[in-house]
Amino acid sequence: METVARVADRQRSVRELDEREMAAWTAFLEASHRVFRSVEQQLKQEAGLSHAGTRSWSSSRRRATPGCG
């Protein structure tokens, strides 16, 4: 487990994003959100599932598959 001092050292070494980097991250996050919402809507319309439901289903399938724990 990390000590408080190590976490503080790491936080001091983090720099703020410049304007171009922040614009890129903002665009990425907005696009990711749109993709997630679109997939969520499609799952609900076509299969009656939510994203949370598919995660639960896939998790149970992995547990039931030998070697995929």
N, C-alpha and C. Protein backbone atom coordinates (compact mmCIF):
# COMPACT_ATOMS: atom_id res chain seq x y z
N MET A 1 0.84 -1.18 0.00
CA MET A 1 0.00 0.00 0.00
C MET A 1 0.89 1.25 0.00
N GLU A 2 0.48 2.25 -0.76
CA GLU A 2 1.26 3.49 -0.84
C GLU A 2 1.14 4.31 0.43
N THR A 3 2.23 4.95 0.74
CA THR A 3 2.19 5.85 1.89
C THR A 3 1.66 7.20 1.46
N VAL A 4 1.22 7.97 2.42
CA VAL A 4 0.71 9.32 2.14
C VAL A 4 1.80 10.16 1.48
N ALA A 5 3.04 9.99 1.92
CA ALA A 5 4.15 10.77 1.36
C ALA A 5 4.36 10.45 -0.12
N ARG A 6 4.25 9.17 -0.49
CA ARG A 6 4.43 8.80 -1.91
C ARG A 6 3.32 9.36 -2.76
N VAL A 7 2.10 9.33 -2.26
CA VAL A 7 0.97 9.89 -3.01
C VAL A 7 1.17 11.40 -3.18
N ALA A 8 1.60 12.07 -2.11
CA ALA A 8 1.84 13.52 -2.18
C ALA A 8 2.94 13.83 -3.18
N ASP A 9 4.01 13.04 -3.20
CA ASP A 9 5.10 13.24 -4.18
C ASP A 9 4.59 13.11 -5.60
N ARG A 10 3.77 12.09 -5.83
CA ARG A 10 3.24 11.87 -7.17
C ARG A 10 2.33 13.01 -7.59
N GLN A 11 1.51 13.52 -6.69
CA GLN A 11 0.61 14.62 -7.01
C GLN A 11 1.39 15.88 -7.36
N ARG A 12 2.51 16.11 -6.71
CA ARG A 12 3.33 17.30 -7.02
C ARG A 12 3.93 17.21 -8.41
N SER A 13 4.15 16.00 -8.91
CA SER A 13 4.78 15.84 -10.22
C SER A 13 3.79 15.91 -11.38
N VAL A 14 2.51 16.00 -11.09
CA VAL A 14 1.48 16.06 -12.13
C VAL A 14 1.35 17.50 -12.61
N ARG A 15 1.36 17.68 -13.91
CA ARG A 15 1.21 19.02 -14.46
C ARG A 15 -0.19 19.19 -15.02
N GLU A 16 -0.61 20.41 -15.12
CA GLU A 16 -1.91 20.70 -15.71
C GLU A 16 -1.82 20.55 -17.23
N LEU A 17 -2.95 20.22 -17.83
CA LEU A 17 -2.99 20.11 -19.29
C LEU A 17 -2.98 21.49 -19.90
N ASP A 18 -2.32 21.59 -21.06
CA ASP A 18 -2.39 22.88 -21.76
C ASP A 18 -3.71 22.94 -22.52
N GLU A 19 -3.98 24.05 -23.16
CA GLU A 19 -5.27 24.27 -23.81
C GLU A 19 -5.56 23.22 -24.88
N ARG A 20 -4.57 22.87 -25.67
CA ARG A 20 -4.73 21.88 -26.73
C ARG A 20 -5.01 20.49 -26.15
N GLU A 21 -4.28 20.11 -25.13
CA GLU A 21 -4.49 18.81 -24.49
C GLU A 21 -5.87 18.73 -23.84
N MET A 22 -6.27 19.80 -23.19
CA MET A 22 -7.59 19.83 -22.54
C MET A 22 -8.70 19.72 -23.58
N ALA A 23 -8.53 20.39 -24.71
CA ALA A 23 -9.53 20.31 -25.78
C ALA A 23 -9.63 18.88 -26.31
N ALA A 24 -8.48 18.21 -26.44
CA ALA A 24 -8.48 16.83 -26.93
C ALA A 24 -9.19 15.91 -25.94
N TRP A 25 -8.88 16.04 -24.65
CA TRP A 25 -9.53 15.21 -23.63
C TRP A 25 -11.02 15.49 -23.57
N THR A 26 -11.40 16.74 -23.66
CA THR A 26 -12.82 17.09 -23.62
C THR A 26 -13.56 16.46 -24.80
N ALA A 27 -12.97 16.54 -25.98
CA ALA A 27 -13.58 15.95 -27.16
C ALA A 27 -13.69 14.43 -27.02
N PHE A 28 -12.64 13.81 -26.49
CA PHE A 28 -12.66 12.36 -26.28
C PHE A 28 -13.77 11.96 -25.30
N LEU A 29 -13.86 12.68 -24.19
CA LEU A 29 -14.87 12.35 -23.19
C LEU A 29 -16.29 12.55 -23.73
N GLU A 30 -16.49 13.62 -24.48
CA GLU A 30 -17.81 13.86 -25.07
C GLU A 30 -18.17 12.78 -26.08
N ALA A 31 -17.21 12.38 -26.92
CA ALA A 31 -17.45 11.33 -27.90
C ALA A 31 -17.72 9.99 -27.20
N SER A 32 -16.95 9.69 -26.18
CA SER A 32 -17.16 8.44 -25.42
C SER A 32 -18.55 8.40 -24.82
N HIS A 33 -18.98 9.52 -24.28
CA HIS A 33 -20.31 9.60 -23.68
C HIS A 33 -21.39 9.36 -24.74
N ARG A 34 -21.22 9.98 -25.92
CA ARG A 34 -22.20 9.79 -26.99
C ARG A 34 -22.26 8.33 -27.44
N VAL A 35 -21.09 7.69 -27.57
CA VAL A 35 -21.06 6.28 -27.98
C VAL A 35 -21.75 5.42 -26.92
N PHE A 36 -21.43 5.63 -25.66
CA PHE A 36 -22.05 4.86 -24.59
C PHE A 36 -23.56 5.00 -24.61
N ARG A 37 -24.04 6.25 -24.71
CA ARG A 37 -25.49 6.49 -24.72
C ARG A 37 -26.15 5.83 -25.94
N SER A 38 -25.48 5.88 -27.09
CA SER A 38 -26.03 5.27 -28.29
C SER A 38 -26.12 3.75 -28.15
N VAL A 39 -25.07 3.14 -27.62
CA VAL A 39 -25.08 1.68 -27.40
C VAL A 39 -26.16 1.32 -26.40
N GLU A 40 -26.26 2.09 -25.33
CA GLU A 40 -27.28 1.86 -24.31
C GLU A 40 -28.68 1.91 -24.92
N GLN A 41 -28.94 2.91 -25.74
CA GLN A 41 -30.24 3.05 -26.38
C GLN A 41 -30.52 1.89 -27.32
N GLN A 42 -29.52 1.50 -28.10
CA GLN A 42 -29.70 0.39 -29.04
C GLN A 42 -29.96 -0.92 -28.30
N LEU A 43 -29.23 -1.17 -27.20
CA LEU A 43 -29.45 -2.37 -26.41
C LEU A 43 -30.87 -2.42 -25.86
N LYS A 44 -31.35 -1.29 -25.39
CA LYS A 44 -32.71 -1.24 -24.83
C LYS A 44 -33.76 -1.47 -25.91
N GLN A 45 -33.58 -0.84 -27.07
CA GLN A 45 -34.57 -0.95 -28.15
C GLN A 45 -34.60 -2.33 -28.77
N GLU A 46 -33.41 -2.89 -29.04
CA GLU A 46 -33.36 -4.13 -29.80
C GLU A 46 -33.42 -5.39 -28.93
N ALA A 47 -32.93 -5.32 -27.70
CA ALA A 47 -32.87 -6.52 -26.88
C ALA A 47 -33.50 -6.37 -25.50
N GLY A 48 -33.97 -5.18 -25.20
CA GLY A 48 -34.56 -4.96 -23.89
C GLY A 48 -33.55 -5.02 -22.76
N LEU A 49 -32.27 -4.80 -23.10
CA LEU A 49 -31.20 -4.85 -22.11
C LEU A 49 -30.64 -3.47 -21.83
N SER A 50 -30.09 -3.32 -20.66
CA SER A 50 -29.32 -2.12 -20.35
C SER A 50 -27.85 -2.51 -20.34
N HIS A 51 -26.97 -1.53 -20.35
CA HIS A 51 -25.55 -1.81 -20.29
C HIS A 51 -25.22 -2.59 -19.03
N ALA A 52 -25.81 -2.20 -17.91
CA ALA A 52 -25.59 -2.91 -16.65
C ALA A 52 -26.05 -4.36 -16.78
N GLY A 53 -27.15 -4.58 -17.47
CA GLY A 53 -27.64 -5.94 -17.67
C GLY A 53 -26.70 -6.78 -18.50
N THR A 54 -26.08 -6.18 -19.51
CA THR A 54 -25.15 -6.95 -20.33
C THR A 54 -23.88 -7.26 -19.56
N ARG A 55 -23.45 -6.34 -18.69
CA ARG A 55 -22.26 -6.61 -17.87
C ARG A 55 -22.54 -7.76 -16.92
N SER A 56 -23.72 -7.78 -16.34
CA SER A 56 -24.10 -8.86 -15.43
C SER A 56 -24.16 -10.18 -16.19
N TRP A 57 -24.74 -10.16 -17.38
CA TRP A 57 -24.86 -11.37 -18.19
C TRP A 57 -23.48 -11.88 -18.59
N SER A 58 -22.61 -10.99 -19.08
CA SER A 58 -21.29 -11.44 -19.53
C SER A 58 -20.46 -11.93 -18.36
N SER A 59 -20.62 -11.32 -17.21
CA SER A 59 -19.90 -11.76 -16.02
C SER A 59 -20.33 -13.17 -15.63
N SER A 60 -21.61 -13.45 -15.68
CA SER A 60 -22.09 -14.79 -15.34
C SER A 60 -21.62 -15.80 -16.38
N ARG A 61 -21.53 -15.41 -17.65
CA ARG A 61 -21.05 -16.31 -18.71
C ARG A 61 -19.57 -16.63 -18.48
N ARG A 62 -18.78 -15.64 -18.09
CA ARG A 62 -17.35 -15.90 -17.84
C ARG A 62 -17.18 -16.88 -16.68
N ARG A 63 -17.99 -16.71 -15.63
CA ARG A 63 -17.87 -17.62 -14.49
C ARG A 63 -18.26 -19.04 -14.89
N ALA A 64 -19.18 -19.19 -15.84
CA ALA A 64 -19.64 -20.49 -16.26
C ALA A 64 -18.71 -21.15 -17.27
N THR A 65 -17.77 -20.39 -17.82
CA THR A 65 -16.85 -20.90 -18.83
C THR A 65 -15.55 -21.34 -18.16
N PRO A 66 -15.18 -22.62 -18.31
CA PRO A 66 -13.94 -23.09 -17.70
C PRO A 66 -12.73 -22.27 -18.15
N GLY A 67 -11.90 -21.88 -17.21
CA GLY A 67 -10.69 -21.10 -17.52
C GLY A 67 -10.92 -19.63 -17.65
N CYS A 68 -12.15 -19.16 -17.49
CA CYS A 68 -12.45 -17.73 -17.61
C CYS A 68 -13.05 -17.24 -16.31
N GLY A 69 -12.25 -17.13 -15.27
CA GLY A 69 -12.81 -16.77 -13.98
C GLY A 69 -12.72 -15.36 -13.71
